[in-house]
N, C-alpha and C. Protein backbone atom coordinates (compact mmCIF):
# COMPACT_ATOMS: atom_id res chain seq x y z
N MET A 1 132.20 122.90 81.23
CA MET A 1 130.91 122.67 80.61
C MET A 1 129.82 122.36 81.65
N PRO A 2 130.11 121.58 82.71
CA PRO A 2 129.06 121.33 83.70
C PRO A 2 128.56 122.61 84.36
N HIS A 3 129.45 123.60 84.50
CA HIS A 3 129.04 124.86 85.12
C HIS A 3 128.05 125.61 84.22
N ILE A 4 128.26 125.55 82.93
CA ILE A 4 127.36 126.22 81.99
C ILE A 4 125.99 125.54 82.01
N LYS A 5 125.97 124.23 82.00
CA LYS A 5 124.69 123.52 82.05
C LYS A 5 123.95 123.82 83.34
N ARG A 6 124.68 123.89 84.45
CA ARG A 6 124.04 124.19 85.72
C ARG A 6 123.47 125.60 85.72
N LEU A 7 124.22 126.54 85.15
CA LEU A 7 123.76 127.92 85.08
C LEU A 7 122.49 128.05 84.26
N LEU A 8 122.38 127.25 83.23
CA LEU A 8 121.25 127.36 82.33
C LEU A 8 120.02 126.57 82.78
N ARG A 9 120.05 126.03 83.93
CA ARG A 9 118.86 125.36 84.43
C ARG A 9 117.76 126.39 84.62
N ALA A 10 116.55 125.96 84.39
CA ALA A 10 115.41 126.88 84.44
C ALA A 10 115.28 127.58 85.78
N LYS A 11 115.55 126.89 86.86
CA LYS A 11 115.41 127.50 88.18
C LYS A 11 116.38 128.67 88.34
N ASN A 12 117.61 128.47 87.92
CA ASN A 12 118.59 129.55 88.02
C ASN A 12 118.23 130.71 87.11
N LEU A 13 117.70 130.40 85.94
CA LEU A 13 117.27 131.46 85.03
C LEU A 13 116.09 132.24 85.60
N LEU A 14 115.19 131.54 86.27
CA LEU A 14 114.06 132.22 86.90
C LEU A 14 114.55 133.18 87.99
N ILE A 15 115.47 132.71 88.80
CA ILE A 15 116.03 133.56 89.86
C ILE A 15 116.71 134.78 89.25
N LEU A 16 117.48 134.57 88.21
CA LEU A 16 118.17 135.67 87.54
C LEU A 16 117.19 136.67 86.93
N ALA A 17 116.15 136.18 86.27
CA ALA A 17 115.16 137.05 85.64
C ALA A 17 114.39 137.86 86.69
N VAL A 18 114.00 137.21 87.77
CA VAL A 18 113.28 137.92 88.84
C VAL A 18 114.19 138.94 89.50
N LEU A 19 115.42 138.56 89.79
CA LEU A 19 116.36 139.48 90.42
C LEU A 19 116.62 140.70 89.52
N TYR A 20 116.84 140.47 88.25
CA TYR A 20 117.06 141.57 87.31
C TYR A 20 115.83 142.48 87.26
N SER A 21 114.65 141.88 87.21
CA SER A 21 113.41 142.66 87.17
C SER A 21 113.28 143.54 88.41
N CYS A 22 113.61 142.99 89.57
CA CYS A 22 113.54 143.76 90.82
C CYS A 22 114.56 144.90 90.84
N VAL A 23 115.77 144.60 90.41
CA VAL A 23 116.83 145.62 90.42
C VAL A 23 116.47 146.78 89.50
N ILE A 24 116.02 146.49 88.28
CA ILE A 24 115.69 147.59 87.38
C ILE A 24 114.47 148.36 87.88
N SER A 25 113.55 147.68 88.54
CA SER A 25 112.39 148.38 89.09
C SER A 25 112.83 149.40 90.13
N VAL A 26 113.76 149.03 90.97
CA VAL A 26 114.29 149.97 91.97
C VAL A 26 115.05 151.10 91.29
N LEU A 27 115.89 150.76 90.32
CA LEU A 27 116.68 151.78 89.63
C LEU A 27 115.81 152.80 88.90
N PHE A 28 114.67 152.37 88.39
CA PHE A 28 113.79 153.30 87.69
C PHE A 28 113.19 154.35 88.62
N PHE A 29 113.28 154.13 89.93
CA PHE A 29 112.71 155.09 90.88
C PHE A 29 113.76 155.92 91.62
N LEU A 30 115.04 155.69 91.32
CA LEU A 30 116.06 156.52 91.92
C LEU A 30 115.95 157.93 91.36
N SER A 31 116.20 158.90 92.20
CA SER A 31 116.12 160.28 91.72
C SER A 31 117.29 160.58 90.81
N ASN A 32 117.08 161.48 89.88
CA ASN A 32 118.10 161.82 88.89
C ASN A 32 119.42 162.29 89.49
N PRO A 33 119.42 163.06 90.59
CA PRO A 33 120.72 163.50 91.13
C PRO A 33 121.63 162.34 91.56
N THR A 34 121.06 161.18 91.86
CA THR A 34 121.89 160.04 92.27
C THR A 34 122.49 159.31 91.07
N LEU A 35 121.98 159.60 89.90
CA LEU A 35 122.49 158.93 88.70
C LEU A 35 123.55 159.79 88.03
N PRO A 36 124.51 159.18 87.37
CA PRO A 36 125.53 159.98 86.69
C PRO A 36 124.91 160.77 85.55
N LYS A 37 125.40 161.99 85.36
CA LYS A 37 124.93 162.85 84.28
C LYS A 37 125.65 162.47 82.99
N ILE A 38 124.87 162.29 81.94
CA ILE A 38 125.43 161.98 80.64
C ILE A 38 124.94 163.05 79.67
N GLU A 39 125.84 163.65 78.96
CA GLU A 39 125.49 164.79 78.12
C GLU A 39 124.86 164.41 76.78
N PHE A 40 125.14 163.23 76.26
CA PHE A 40 124.59 162.80 74.98
C PHE A 40 123.08 162.69 75.10
N SER A 41 122.33 163.37 74.25
CA SER A 41 120.89 163.52 74.41
C SER A 41 120.11 162.22 74.24
N GLY A 42 120.50 161.32 73.37
CA GLY A 42 119.74 160.11 73.13
C GLY A 42 120.13 158.93 73.99
N ILE A 43 121.10 159.12 74.87
CA ILE A 43 121.61 157.98 75.66
C ILE A 43 120.53 157.40 76.57
N ASP A 44 119.62 158.24 77.06
CA ASP A 44 118.55 157.76 77.93
C ASP A 44 117.69 156.72 77.21
N LYS A 45 117.38 156.98 75.97
CA LYS A 45 116.54 156.04 75.19
C LYS A 45 117.32 154.77 74.86
N ILE A 46 118.60 154.90 74.61
CA ILE A 46 119.43 153.73 74.36
C ILE A 46 119.51 152.86 75.61
N VAL A 47 119.65 153.50 76.76
CA VAL A 47 119.70 152.76 78.03
C VAL A 47 118.37 152.04 78.26
N HIS A 48 117.25 152.72 78.04
CA HIS A 48 115.93 152.08 78.19
C HIS A 48 115.82 150.87 77.27
N SER A 49 116.24 151.03 76.03
CA SER A 49 116.19 149.92 75.07
C SER A 49 117.06 148.75 75.53
N LEU A 50 118.26 149.05 75.98
CA LEU A 50 119.17 148.01 76.43
C LEU A 50 118.63 147.27 77.66
N ILE A 51 118.07 148.02 78.60
CA ILE A 51 117.50 147.41 79.80
C ILE A 51 116.39 146.43 79.43
N HIS A 52 115.52 146.83 78.51
CA HIS A 52 114.41 145.95 78.12
C HIS A 52 114.86 144.83 77.19
N PHE A 53 115.91 145.07 76.43
CA PHE A 53 116.51 144.01 75.62
C PHE A 53 116.98 142.87 76.54
N ILE A 54 117.68 143.23 77.60
CA ILE A 54 118.16 142.23 78.56
C ILE A 54 117.00 141.59 79.30
N LEU A 55 116.04 142.41 79.72
CA LEU A 55 114.88 141.91 80.47
C LEU A 55 114.14 140.84 79.68
N ILE A 56 113.81 141.13 78.45
CA ILE A 56 113.03 140.17 77.68
C ILE A 56 113.84 138.93 77.34
N ASN A 57 115.15 139.09 77.13
CA ASN A 57 115.99 137.92 76.85
C ASN A 57 116.12 137.00 78.06
N LEU A 58 116.21 137.56 79.24
CA LEU A 58 116.28 136.72 80.44
C LEU A 58 114.98 135.91 80.61
N TRP A 59 113.85 136.56 80.41
CA TRP A 59 112.58 135.85 80.54
C TRP A 59 112.39 134.85 79.41
N LEU A 60 112.83 135.18 78.20
CA LEU A 60 112.75 134.22 77.10
C LEU A 60 113.64 133.01 77.36
N LEU A 61 114.82 133.24 77.90
CA LEU A 61 115.70 132.12 78.26
C LEU A 61 115.02 131.19 79.26
N PHE A 62 114.42 131.79 80.28
CA PHE A 62 113.72 130.98 81.28
C PHE A 62 112.61 130.15 80.63
N ILE A 63 111.77 130.80 79.84
CA ILE A 63 110.65 130.10 79.19
C ILE A 63 111.17 128.99 78.27
N TYR A 64 112.21 129.30 77.53
CA TYR A 64 112.78 128.35 76.57
C TYR A 64 113.32 127.10 77.27
N PHE A 65 114.07 127.29 78.32
CA PHE A 65 114.64 126.15 79.02
C PHE A 65 113.60 125.43 79.87
N LYS A 66 112.68 126.17 80.43
CA LYS A 66 111.62 125.57 81.26
C LYS A 66 110.75 124.63 80.42
N ASN A 67 110.54 124.96 79.16
CA ASN A 67 109.67 124.19 78.29
C ASN A 67 110.43 123.27 77.34
N GLY A 68 111.61 122.87 77.73
CA GLY A 68 112.36 121.88 76.96
C GLY A 68 112.74 122.35 75.57
N PHE A 69 113.29 123.53 75.47
CA PHE A 69 113.76 124.11 74.21
C PHE A 69 112.61 124.34 73.22
N LEU A 70 111.47 124.71 73.78
CA LEU A 70 110.30 125.01 72.97
C LEU A 70 109.86 126.44 73.27
N LEU A 71 109.56 127.20 72.24
CA LEU A 71 109.15 128.59 72.42
C LEU A 71 108.01 128.88 71.45
N LYS A 72 106.81 128.94 71.98
CA LYS A 72 105.63 129.18 71.15
C LYS A 72 105.42 130.68 70.95
N THR A 73 104.89 131.02 69.80
CA THR A 73 104.62 132.43 69.48
C THR A 73 103.68 133.05 70.50
N ARG A 74 102.73 132.30 70.97
CA ARG A 74 101.77 132.80 71.97
C ARG A 74 102.51 133.23 73.24
N TRP A 75 103.51 132.46 73.66
CA TRP A 75 104.27 132.81 74.86
C TRP A 75 105.07 134.09 74.64
N ILE A 76 105.62 134.21 73.44
CA ILE A 76 106.39 135.42 73.12
C ILE A 76 105.48 136.65 73.17
N LEU A 77 104.30 136.53 72.59
CA LEU A 77 103.36 137.66 72.59
C LEU A 77 102.91 138.03 74.01
N ILE A 78 102.64 137.04 74.82
CA ILE A 78 102.25 137.30 76.21
C ILE A 78 103.38 138.00 76.95
N LEU A 79 104.60 137.52 76.75
CA LEU A 79 105.76 138.14 77.39
C LEU A 79 105.95 139.57 76.89
N LEU A 80 105.85 139.78 75.59
CA LEU A 80 106.01 141.11 75.02
C LEU A 80 104.97 142.07 75.59
N LEU A 81 103.73 141.65 75.66
CA LEU A 81 102.67 142.51 76.21
C LEU A 81 102.90 142.77 77.70
N SER A 82 103.38 141.76 78.41
CA SER A 82 103.67 141.92 79.84
C SER A 82 104.78 142.94 80.07
N VAL A 83 105.84 142.84 79.28
CA VAL A 83 106.96 143.78 79.41
C VAL A 83 106.54 145.18 79.00
N LEU A 84 105.71 145.28 77.97
CA LEU A 84 105.18 146.59 77.55
C LEU A 84 104.34 147.20 78.67
N LEU A 85 103.46 146.41 79.25
CA LEU A 85 102.62 146.90 80.36
C LEU A 85 103.49 147.30 81.55
N TYR A 86 104.50 146.50 81.84
CA TYR A 86 105.44 146.83 82.91
C TYR A 86 106.07 148.20 82.68
N GLY A 87 106.54 148.45 81.44
CA GLY A 87 107.16 149.73 81.11
C GLY A 87 106.20 150.89 81.27
N ILE A 88 104.95 150.70 80.86
CA ILE A 88 103.94 151.75 80.99
C ILE A 88 103.65 152.04 82.45
N VAL A 89 103.48 150.99 83.24
CA VAL A 89 103.19 151.16 84.67
C VAL A 89 104.35 151.86 85.36
N ILE A 90 105.57 151.49 85.05
CA ILE A 90 106.75 152.14 85.65
C ILE A 90 106.74 153.63 85.33
N GLU A 91 106.46 153.99 84.08
CA GLU A 91 106.43 155.41 83.69
C GLU A 91 105.34 156.17 84.46
N ILE A 92 104.18 155.57 84.60
CA ILE A 92 103.09 156.22 85.34
C ILE A 92 103.47 156.39 86.80
N LEU A 93 104.04 155.35 87.39
CA LEU A 93 104.43 155.42 88.81
C LEU A 93 105.56 156.43 89.02
N GLN A 94 106.48 156.51 88.09
CA GLN A 94 107.54 157.52 88.19
C GLN A 94 106.93 158.92 88.22
N ASP A 95 105.95 159.15 87.38
CA ASP A 95 105.31 160.46 87.31
C ASP A 95 104.55 160.77 88.59
N GLN A 96 103.93 159.77 89.16
CA GLN A 96 103.08 159.99 90.33
C GLN A 96 103.84 160.02 91.65
N PHE A 97 104.91 159.27 91.77
CA PHE A 97 105.55 159.08 93.07
C PHE A 97 106.99 159.58 93.18
N THR A 98 107.51 160.19 92.15
CA THR A 98 108.84 160.78 92.26
C THR A 98 108.76 162.25 91.88
N VAL A 99 109.70 163.02 92.42
CA VAL A 99 109.70 164.45 92.09
C VAL A 99 110.67 164.77 90.95
N SER A 100 111.62 163.90 90.72
CA SER A 100 112.64 164.20 89.71
C SER A 100 112.42 163.46 88.39
N ARG A 101 111.40 162.62 88.32
CA ARG A 101 111.16 161.86 87.09
C ARG A 101 109.73 162.09 86.63
N LYS A 102 109.57 162.14 85.34
CA LYS A 102 108.26 162.33 84.74
C LYS A 102 108.01 161.23 83.71
N ALA A 103 106.72 160.95 83.50
CA ALA A 103 106.35 159.95 82.50
C ALA A 103 106.76 160.45 81.12
N ASP A 104 107.27 159.55 80.32
CA ASP A 104 107.73 159.92 78.98
C ASP A 104 107.32 158.83 78.00
N ILE A 105 106.48 159.18 77.06
CA ILE A 105 106.02 158.22 76.06
C ILE A 105 107.18 157.70 75.22
N PHE A 106 108.22 158.51 75.08
CA PHE A 106 109.38 158.08 74.30
C PHE A 106 110.19 157.02 75.06
N ASP A 107 110.13 157.05 76.39
CA ASP A 107 110.75 155.96 77.17
C ASP A 107 110.00 154.66 76.92
N VAL A 108 108.67 154.73 76.87
CA VAL A 108 107.87 153.54 76.58
C VAL A 108 108.20 153.01 75.18
N ALA A 109 108.34 153.92 74.23
CA ALA A 109 108.70 153.52 72.86
C ALA A 109 110.08 152.87 72.83
N ALA A 110 111.02 153.43 73.58
CA ALA A 110 112.38 152.86 73.65
C ALA A 110 112.33 151.48 74.31
N ASN A 111 111.53 151.35 75.36
CA ASN A 111 111.37 150.06 76.03
C ASN A 111 110.84 149.01 75.05
N PHE A 112 109.83 149.40 74.31
CA PHE A 112 109.20 148.49 73.36
C PHE A 112 110.18 148.12 72.24
N THR A 113 110.92 149.09 71.77
CA THR A 113 111.92 148.84 70.73
C THR A 113 112.98 147.86 71.22
N GLY A 114 113.47 148.07 72.44
CA GLY A 114 114.44 147.15 73.02
C GLY A 114 113.89 145.74 73.17
N SER A 115 112.61 145.65 73.55
CA SER A 115 111.96 144.35 73.68
C SER A 115 111.85 143.64 72.33
N LEU A 116 111.44 144.38 71.31
CA LEU A 116 111.33 143.79 69.98
C LEU A 116 112.69 143.33 69.45
N LEU A 117 113.70 144.16 69.66
CA LEU A 117 115.06 143.77 69.25
C LEU A 117 115.52 142.54 70.03
N GLY A 118 115.16 142.47 71.31
CA GLY A 118 115.51 141.32 72.12
C GLY A 118 114.87 140.04 71.62
N ILE A 119 113.60 140.12 71.23
CA ILE A 119 112.91 138.95 70.67
C ILE A 119 113.56 138.52 69.37
N PHE A 120 113.83 139.47 68.50
CA PHE A 120 114.49 139.17 67.23
C PHE A 120 115.84 138.50 67.47
N PHE A 121 116.62 139.05 68.40
CA PHE A 121 117.92 138.49 68.75
C PHE A 121 117.77 137.06 69.26
N PHE A 122 116.85 136.87 70.20
CA PHE A 122 116.68 135.55 70.81
C PHE A 122 116.25 134.51 69.77
N LYS A 123 115.32 134.88 68.91
CA LYS A 123 114.85 133.93 67.90
C LYS A 123 115.98 133.52 66.96
N ASN A 124 116.96 134.39 66.77
CA ASN A 124 118.07 134.07 65.89
C ASN A 124 119.18 133.28 66.57
N ILE A 125 119.26 133.33 67.89
CA ILE A 125 120.35 132.59 68.56
C ILE A 125 119.86 131.36 69.32
N LYS A 126 118.57 131.18 69.46
CA LYS A 126 118.06 130.06 70.27
C LYS A 126 118.49 128.69 69.74
N LYS A 127 118.72 128.58 68.44
CA LYS A 127 119.15 127.29 67.89
C LYS A 127 120.51 126.86 68.42
N TYR A 128 121.30 127.81 68.89
CA TYR A 128 122.62 127.49 69.43
C TYR A 128 122.57 127.13 70.91
N LEU A 129 121.44 127.32 71.55
CA LEU A 129 121.34 127.11 73.00
C LEU A 129 121.07 125.67 73.39
N ASN A 130 120.51 124.87 72.51
CA ASN A 130 120.17 123.49 72.88
C ASN A 130 121.19 122.47 72.38
N THR A 131 122.38 122.92 72.12
CA THR A 131 123.44 121.99 71.69
C THR A 131 124.28 121.55 72.86
C-alpha cells in the first residue's frame, strides 16, 4: 500500500503525464514505414482514441491529486480544450513536416472522442481514488 500512495503523489503523476505527452508527440511524427501495418481499417481511429483517453486521464489524475481530491468543471473544460488543441496542432504539423503523414479531421474527431470517453471514465471512478 505505501508504494501505491507514493506512486499517486502529484509530483509523480506530473512526471508521468509529461513523459507520456512527450512520447506520444514523438510517435505521432514517426513515418508510417516504421510503424507496424495493421489491415483493419478503423484501427487507426481506435488507437487515436485510446491514446487520448490515456492522455486526458493522466492529466486528470494529476489535477485531482494536486488539488486534494477536488476536480472543478472549469479545470476539466480547460484540459479538454487543451488536449483538443494539441490534437489539432499535431495533425497540422504532421501535414506540414512529414512526407508520410497527412492531416486528417477524422483523427481529430477520434482524439476528441477518446478525450470525452476519458473524462466520463474518470468522473465515474474518481470516488474510488481518495480511499
